[in-house]
Amino acid sequence: YQTEEAKGRDGLRWRDEEGIAWPVLVDDLRGTVHQTYGGAADPTYLIDADGRVAFYGIWTHAPTLHRALDALLSQGGRG
């Protein structure tokens, strides 16, 4: 990405296309959040309603993420 605005627009578009009803974080161009959580190449972090990491995947794998989301939602958003 050349601008944070373009990256943010893509994040919002993805959220809307996937019908995601919860907040989605779009990191800045420096990858500040990415680096804070360890800097793996393609990680996925699912943060629960209490702000804790409820799921971590070193590689984003949509079916696994969907299972983690279903499990977290079945527990009232707390993992």
N, C-alpha and C. Protein backbone atom coordinates (compact mmCIF):
# COMPACT_ATOMS: atom_id res chain seq x y z
N TYR A 1 0.83 -1.18 0.00
CA TYR A 1 0.00 0.00 0.00
C TYR A 1 0.88 1.24 0.00
N GLN A 2 0.38 2.26 -0.65
CA GLN A 2 1.06 3.55 -0.67
C GLN A 2 0.55 4.49 0.42
N THR A 3 -0.71 4.32 0.81
CA THR A 3 -1.29 5.18 1.85
C THR A 3 -2.10 4.35 2.84
N GLU A 4 -2.18 4.87 4.05
CA GLU A 4 -3.01 4.22 5.06
C GLU A 4 -4.48 4.30 4.69
N GLU A 5 -4.86 5.37 4.00
CA GLU A 5 -6.26 5.52 3.57
C GLU A 5 -6.65 4.39 2.62
N ALA A 6 -5.79 4.08 1.66
CA ALA A 6 -6.08 3.00 0.71
C ALA A 6 -6.17 1.66 1.43
N LYS A 7 -5.26 1.44 2.37
CA LYS A 7 -5.27 0.20 3.14
C LYS A 7 -6.54 0.11 3.97
N GLY A 8 -6.94 1.22 4.58
CA GLY A 8 -8.17 1.25 5.37
C GLY A 8 -9.41 0.99 4.53
N ARG A 9 -9.46 1.57 3.34
CA ARG A 9 -10.60 1.32 2.44
C ARG A 9 -10.70 -0.16 2.09
N ASP A 10 -9.56 -0.79 1.80
CA ASP A 10 -9.57 -2.22 1.49
C ASP A 10 -10.05 -3.04 2.69
N GLY A 11 -9.62 -2.65 3.88
CA GLY A 11 -10.06 -3.35 5.09
C GLY A 11 -11.57 -3.25 5.28
N LEU A 12 -12.11 -2.05 5.07
CA LEU A 12 -13.55 -1.86 5.19
C LEU A 12 -14.31 -2.62 4.11
N ARG A 13 -13.77 -2.62 2.90
CA ARG A 13 -14.41 -3.35 1.81
C ARG A 13 -14.44 -4.85 2.13
N TRP A 14 -13.32 -5.38 2.61
CA TRP A 14 -13.24 -6.80 2.98
C TRP A 14 -14.27 -7.11 4.07
N ARG A 15 -14.32 -6.25 5.10
CA ARG A 15 -15.27 -6.45 6.20
C ARG A 15 -16.69 -6.50 5.66
N ASP A 16 -17.03 -5.55 4.78
CA ASP A 16 -18.38 -5.49 4.24
C ASP A 16 -18.68 -6.68 3.32
N GLU A 17 -17.73 -7.06 2.48
CA GLU A 17 -17.93 -8.19 1.58
C GLU A 17 -18.14 -9.49 2.34
N GLU A 18 -17.45 -9.64 3.46
CA GLU A 18 -17.55 -10.87 4.26
C GLU A 18 -18.69 -10.81 5.28
N GLY A 19 -19.33 -9.65 5.40
CA GLY A 19 -20.43 -9.52 6.35
C GLY A 19 -19.99 -9.59 7.79
N ILE A 20 -18.79 -9.10 8.09
CA ILE A 20 -18.24 -9.17 9.44
C ILE A 20 -18.89 -8.08 10.29
N ALA A 21 -19.46 -8.48 11.42
CA ALA A 21 -20.25 -7.57 12.26
C ALA A 21 -19.47 -7.03 13.45
N TRP A 22 -18.19 -7.26 13.52
CA TRP A 22 -17.39 -6.79 14.65
C TRP A 22 -16.27 -5.91 14.12
N PRO A 23 -15.61 -5.16 15.00
CA PRO A 23 -14.53 -4.29 14.54
C PRO A 23 -13.38 -5.08 13.91
N VAL A 24 -12.83 -4.53 12.86
CA VAL A 24 -11.68 -5.11 12.17
C VAL A 24 -10.55 -4.09 12.24
N LEU A 25 -9.39 -4.51 12.70
CA LEU A 25 -8.24 -3.63 12.78
C LEU A 25 -7.49 -3.65 11.46
N VAL A 26 -7.18 -2.46 10.95
CA VAL A 26 -6.32 -2.33 9.79
C VAL A 26 -5.06 -1.64 10.30
N ASP A 27 -3.95 -2.34 10.24
CA ASP A 27 -2.69 -1.83 10.77
C ASP A 27 -2.18 -0.66 9.94
N ASP A 28 -1.30 0.13 10.54
CA ASP A 28 -0.70 1.23 9.79
C ASP A 28 0.35 0.68 8.81
N LEU A 29 0.88 1.56 7.97
CA LEU A 29 1.84 1.13 6.94
C LEU A 29 3.13 0.58 7.53
N ARG A 30 3.47 0.98 8.73
CA ARG A 30 4.70 0.48 9.38
C ARG A 30 4.50 -0.90 9.99
N GLY A 31 3.24 -1.33 10.11
CA GLY A 31 2.97 -2.64 10.71
C GLY A 31 3.14 -2.64 12.21
N THR A 32 2.79 -1.55 12.85
CA THR A 32 3.00 -1.40 14.29
C THR A 32 2.34 -2.52 15.09
N VAL A 33 1.08 -2.80 14.82
CA VAL A 33 0.38 -3.86 15.55
C VAL A 33 0.97 -5.21 15.19
N HIS A 34 1.22 -5.43 13.92
CA HIS A 34 1.82 -6.68 13.45
C HIS A 34 3.11 -6.97 14.20
N GLN A 35 3.97 -5.98 14.33
CA GLN A 35 5.24 -6.16 15.02
C GLN A 35 5.04 -6.38 16.52
N THR A 36 4.06 -5.70 17.10
CA THR A 36 3.78 -5.86 18.53
C THR A 36 3.40 -7.29 18.86
N TYR A 37 2.67 -7.95 17.94
CA TYR A 37 2.24 -9.33 18.18
C TYR A 37 3.23 -10.36 17.64
N GLY A 38 4.42 -9.95 17.24
CA GLY A 38 5.44 -10.92 16.89
C GLY A 38 5.96 -10.87 15.47
N GLY A 39 5.25 -10.24 14.55
CA GLY A 39 5.77 -10.03 13.21
C GLY A 39 5.80 -11.25 12.30
N ALA A 40 5.01 -12.30 12.58
CA ALA A 40 4.97 -13.46 11.69
C ALA A 40 4.46 -13.01 10.31
N ALA A 41 4.74 -13.79 9.28
CA ALA A 41 4.45 -13.39 7.90
C ALA A 41 2.97 -13.19 7.61
N ASP A 42 2.10 -14.07 8.05
CA ASP A 42 0.67 -13.98 7.73
C ASP A 42 -0.16 -14.45 8.91
N PRO A 43 -0.02 -13.76 10.05
CA PRO A 43 -0.71 -14.23 11.25
C PRO A 43 -2.16 -13.80 11.30
N THR A 44 -2.92 -14.50 12.12
CA THR A 44 -4.28 -14.12 12.45
C THR A 44 -4.41 -14.10 13.96
N TYR A 45 -4.93 -13.01 14.47
CA TYR A 45 -5.22 -12.88 15.89
C TYR A 45 -6.69 -12.58 16.04
N LEU A 46 -7.34 -13.31 16.90
CA LEU A 46 -8.73 -13.07 17.22
C LEU A 46 -8.76 -12.57 18.66
N ILE A 47 -9.21 -11.34 18.83
CA ILE A 47 -9.22 -10.70 20.15
C ILE A 47 -10.63 -10.82 20.71
N ASP A 48 -10.75 -11.29 21.95
CA ASP A 48 -12.07 -11.50 22.52
C ASP A 48 -12.65 -10.20 23.09
N ALA A 49 -13.86 -10.30 23.63
CA ALA A 49 -14.57 -9.12 24.13
C ALA A 49 -13.85 -8.46 25.30
N ASP A 50 -12.95 -9.18 25.95
CA ASP A 50 -12.18 -8.62 27.06
C ASP A 50 -10.83 -8.06 26.63
N GLY A 51 -10.57 -8.09 25.31
CA GLY A 51 -9.32 -7.56 24.80
C GLY A 51 -8.16 -8.54 24.85
N ARG A 52 -8.44 -9.81 25.11
CA ARG A 52 -7.39 -10.83 25.18
C ARG A 52 -7.32 -11.60 23.86
N VAL A 53 -6.14 -12.12 23.56
CA VAL A 53 -5.99 -12.96 22.38
C VAL A 53 -6.68 -14.28 22.65
N ALA A 54 -7.75 -14.56 21.89
CA ALA A 54 -8.51 -15.79 22.06
C ALA A 54 -8.09 -16.86 21.07
N PHE A 55 -7.46 -16.43 19.98
CA PHE A 55 -7.01 -17.36 18.95
C PHE A 55 -5.82 -16.74 18.23
N TYR A 56 -4.85 -17.57 17.93
CA TYR A 56 -3.69 -17.14 17.16
C TYR A 56 -3.37 -18.22 16.14
N GLY A 57 -3.20 -17.81 14.91
CA GLY A 57 -2.76 -18.72 13.86
C GLY A 57 -1.57 -18.13 13.15
N ILE A 58 -0.48 -18.88 13.03
CA ILE A 58 0.73 -18.36 12.41
C ILE A 58 0.52 -18.07 10.92
N TRP A 59 -0.40 -18.82 10.28
CA TRP A 59 -0.79 -18.58 8.89
C TRP A 59 -2.29 -18.44 8.85
N THR A 60 -2.79 -17.46 8.13
CA THR A 60 -4.23 -17.27 8.01
C THR A 60 -4.80 -18.40 7.17
N HIS A 61 -5.73 -19.13 7.75
CA HIS A 61 -6.41 -20.22 7.08
C HIS A 61 -7.90 -20.02 7.36
N ALA A 62 -8.66 -19.59 6.35
CA ALA A 62 -10.04 -19.19 6.55
C ALA A 62 -10.90 -20.23 7.25
N PRO A 63 -10.87 -21.52 6.86
CA PRO A 63 -11.71 -22.49 7.57
C PRO A 63 -11.39 -22.59 9.06
N THR A 64 -10.13 -22.54 9.41
CA THR A 64 -9.74 -22.60 10.82
C THR A 64 -10.20 -21.34 11.55
N LEU A 65 -10.04 -20.20 10.91
CA LEU A 65 -10.50 -18.95 11.52
C LEU A 65 -12.00 -18.97 11.74
N HIS A 66 -12.76 -19.47 10.79
CA HIS A 66 -14.21 -19.56 10.95
C HIS A 66 -14.57 -20.47 12.13
N ARG A 67 -13.86 -21.57 12.30
CA ARG A 67 -14.13 -22.45 13.46
C ARG A 67 -13.83 -21.72 14.77
N ALA A 68 -12.74 -20.97 14.78
CA ALA A 68 -12.37 -20.22 15.98
C ALA A 68 -13.42 -19.15 16.28
N LEU A 69 -13.90 -18.48 15.25
CA LEU A 69 -14.93 -17.46 15.44
C LEU A 69 -16.22 -18.08 15.98
N ASP A 70 -16.62 -19.20 15.39
CA ASP A 70 -17.82 -19.88 15.88
C ASP A 70 -17.68 -20.28 17.33
N ALA A 71 -16.52 -20.80 17.70
CA ALA A 71 -16.30 -21.20 19.09
C ALA A 71 -16.34 -19.99 20.02
N LEU A 72 -15.70 -18.91 19.61
CA LEU A 72 -15.68 -17.71 20.45
C LEU A 72 -17.08 -17.14 20.59
N LEU A 73 -17.82 -17.07 19.52
CA LEU A 73 -19.19 -16.54 19.59
C LEU A 73 -20.08 -17.42 20.44
N SER A 74 -19.87 -18.73 20.42
CA SER A 74 -20.68 -19.64 21.23
C SER A 74 -20.40 -19.47 22.73
N GLN A 75 -19.28 -18.82 23.03
CA GLN A 75 -18.89 -18.56 24.42
C GLN A 75 -19.16 -17.11 24.81
N GLY A 76 -20.03 -16.46 24.06
CA GLY A 76 -20.38 -15.08 24.38
C GLY A 76 -19.29 -14.08 24.08
N GLY A 77 -18.38 -14.43 23.18
CA GLY A 77 -17.31 -13.50 22.80
C GLY A 77 -16.13 -13.49 23.74
N ARG A 78 -16.12 -14.43 24.68
CA ARG A 78 -15.01 -14.49 25.62
C ARG A 78 -14.33 -15.85 25.47
N GLY A 79 -13.02 -15.81 25.30
CA GLY A 79 -12.29 -17.05 25.05
C GLY A 79 -11.35 -17.37 26.10
